[in-house]
Amino acid sequence: MDLHAYLPDAPVHLEPGKQTRIFTGIAIELPAGHEAQVRPRSGMTKNGLVVPIGTIDNGYRGDIGVVVFNHSFQYHIIRHGDRIAQLVVCPVAYPDVVEVEELSETERGNDGFGSTGV
């Protein structure tokens, strides 16, 4: 679902290279075993406004805030009601954690970023 900026008093003027947190005016109660993920909207990203992915756990009851970074070279104005992010609700698995001395072997092993090609 889309998340909208709750800015009834005044718009936000976001300078190039700056960030801000914008609240949405909504709070949610998630069922046990679920989380909500705040995700970017492609329409904002193409204009240089980046929203990092954020997690809301099922214990949070406050106003949902969205961090917005202005990675462009232009000023942007965010107004009351603007769509600023998306919210996705997902089930969460809670595995049993077992400490071990070593892990099983795989073809990739511990090769990191970019090790599987472009």
Protein backbone atom coordinates (compact mmCIF):
# COMPACT_ATOMS: atom_id res chain seq x y z
CA MET A 1 0.00 0.00 0.00
CA ASP A 2 1.12 3.55 -0.60
CA LEU A 3 2.27 5.68 2.32
CA HIS A 4 1.42 9.39 2.09
CA ALA A 5 3.17 12.36 3.71
CA TYR A 6 1.28 13.80 6.67
CA LEU A 7 2.27 17.48 6.53
CA PRO A 8 -0.89 19.47 7.31
CA ASP A 9 1.01 22.55 8.52
CA ALA A 10 3.64 23.07 5.82
CA PRO A 11 5.47 21.23 3.06
CA VAL A 12 9.03 19.97 3.51
CA HIS A 13 11.73 21.66 1.41
CA LEU A 14 14.47 19.07 0.99
CA GLU A 15 17.86 20.42 -0.08
CA PRO A 16 20.26 18.45 -2.27
CA GLY A 17 22.36 16.02 -0.22
CA LYS A 18 20.09 16.27 2.83
CA GLN A 19 17.70 13.86 4.49
CA THR A 20 14.59 14.14 6.61
CA ARG A 21 12.02 11.94 8.31
CA ILE A 22 8.44 12.42 7.21
CA PHE A 23 5.58 10.98 9.20
CA THR A 24 2.52 9.43 7.60
CA GLY A 25 -0.12 10.05 10.25
CA ILE A 26 -0.94 6.34 10.52
CA ALA A 27 -0.13 3.61 12.99
CA ILE A 28 -0.72 -0.11 12.52
CA GLU A 29 -1.11 -3.20 14.66
CA LEU A 30 0.44 -6.20 12.97
CA PRO A 31 -0.52 -9.76 13.84
CA ALA A 32 2.02 -11.94 15.62
CA GLY A 33 4.55 -13.44 13.24
CA HIS A 34 4.40 -10.51 10.80
CA GLU A 35 6.44 -7.41 9.98
CA ALA A 36 5.88 -4.42 7.74
CA GLN A 37 8.55 -3.20 5.34
CA VAL A 38 8.78 0.42 4.23
CA ARG A 39 10.04 0.41 0.66
CA PRO A 40 10.89 3.09 -1.91
CA ARG A 41 8.58 4.15 -4.73
CA SER A 42 10.09 4.13 -8.21
CA GLY A 43 8.57 7.53 -9.00
CA MET A 44 10.53 9.16 -6.20
CA THR A 45 13.72 7.23 -6.88
CA LYS A 46 13.84 8.35 -10.52
CA ASN A 47 13.84 11.96 -9.25
CA GLY A 48 16.73 11.36 -6.83
CA LEU A 49 14.67 10.91 -3.67
CA VAL A 50 15.73 7.67 -2.00
CA VAL A 51 13.86 5.85 0.76
CA PRO A 52 15.86 3.12 2.49
CA ILE A 53 14.07 -0.11 3.30
CA GLY A 54 12.88 -0.10 6.90
CA THR A 55 11.32 -2.73 9.12
CA ILE A 56 8.38 -2.24 11.48
CA ASP A 57 7.99 -5.06 13.97
CA ASN A 58 4.66 -6.20 15.38
CA GLY A 59 5.29 -4.44 18.71
CA TYR A 60 5.49 -0.91 17.27
CA ARG A 61 2.39 1.25 17.68
CA GLY A 62 3.61 4.73 16.75
CA ASP A 63 3.24 6.91 13.68
CA ILE A 64 5.03 5.36 10.71
CA GLY A 65 7.93 7.58 9.71
CA VAL A 66 9.74 7.46 6.37
CA VAL A 67 13.35 8.59 5.94
CA VAL A 68 13.85 10.42 2.63
CA PHE A 69 17.31 11.21 1.21
CA ASN A 70 17.70 13.77 -1.55
CA HIS A 71 20.49 12.36 -3.72
CA SER A 72 19.79 14.78 -6.56
CA PHE A 73 21.23 18.23 -7.26
CA GLN A 74 17.78 19.87 -7.07
CA TYR A 75 15.55 21.09 -4.27
CA HIS A 76 12.44 19.00 -3.80
CA ILE A 77 9.22 19.93 -2.10
CA ILE A 78 7.20 17.21 -0.39
CA ARG A 79 3.62 18.23 0.26
CA HIS A 80 0.83 16.94 2.44
CA GLY A 81 -0.68 13.86 0.81
CA ASP A 82 2.25 13.10 -1.52
CA ARG A 83 2.95 9.40 -1.94
CA ILE A 84 6.39 8.91 -0.40
CA ALA A 85 6.85 5.15 0.09
CA GLN A 86 5.18 1.77 -0.02
CA LEU A 87 4.32 -0.58 2.84
CA VAL A 88 4.46 -4.34 2.46
CA VAL A 89 3.32 -6.74 5.20
CA CYS A 90 5.15 -10.08 5.33
CA PRO A 91 5.24 -13.15 7.56
CA VAL A 92 8.44 -13.57 9.58
CA ALA A 93 10.16 -16.86 10.36
CA TYR A 94 11.77 -17.20 13.77
CA PRO A 95 14.32 -20.01 13.45
CA ASP A 96 16.00 -21.76 16.34
CA VAL A 97 19.58 -20.48 16.49
CA VAL A 98 22.25 -23.12 17.03
CA GLU A 99 25.88 -22.18 17.63
CA VAL A 100 28.33 -24.45 15.77
CA GLU A 101 32.11 -24.64 15.39
CA GLU A 102 31.97 -24.69 11.56
CA LEU A 103 29.51 -24.50 8.68
CA SER A 104 28.90 -27.01 5.90
CA GLU A 105 30.85 -26.59 2.64
CA THR A 106 29.27 -24.99 -0.46
CA GLU A 107 30.59 -24.23 -3.94
CA ARG A 108 30.60 -20.50 -3.21
CA GLY A 109 32.08 -20.77 0.27
CA ASN A 110 32.88 -17.38 1.77
CA ASP A 111 33.35 -15.49 -1.53
CA GLY A 112 31.62 -12.15 -1.11
CA PHE A 113 30.08 -9.40 -3.24
CA GLY A 114 30.38 -9.96 -6.97
CA SER A 115 31.77 -13.46 -6.64
CA THR A 116 28.99 -15.01 -8.77
CA GLY A 117 29.50 -12.68 -11.74
CA VAL A 118 27.73 -9.66 -13.19
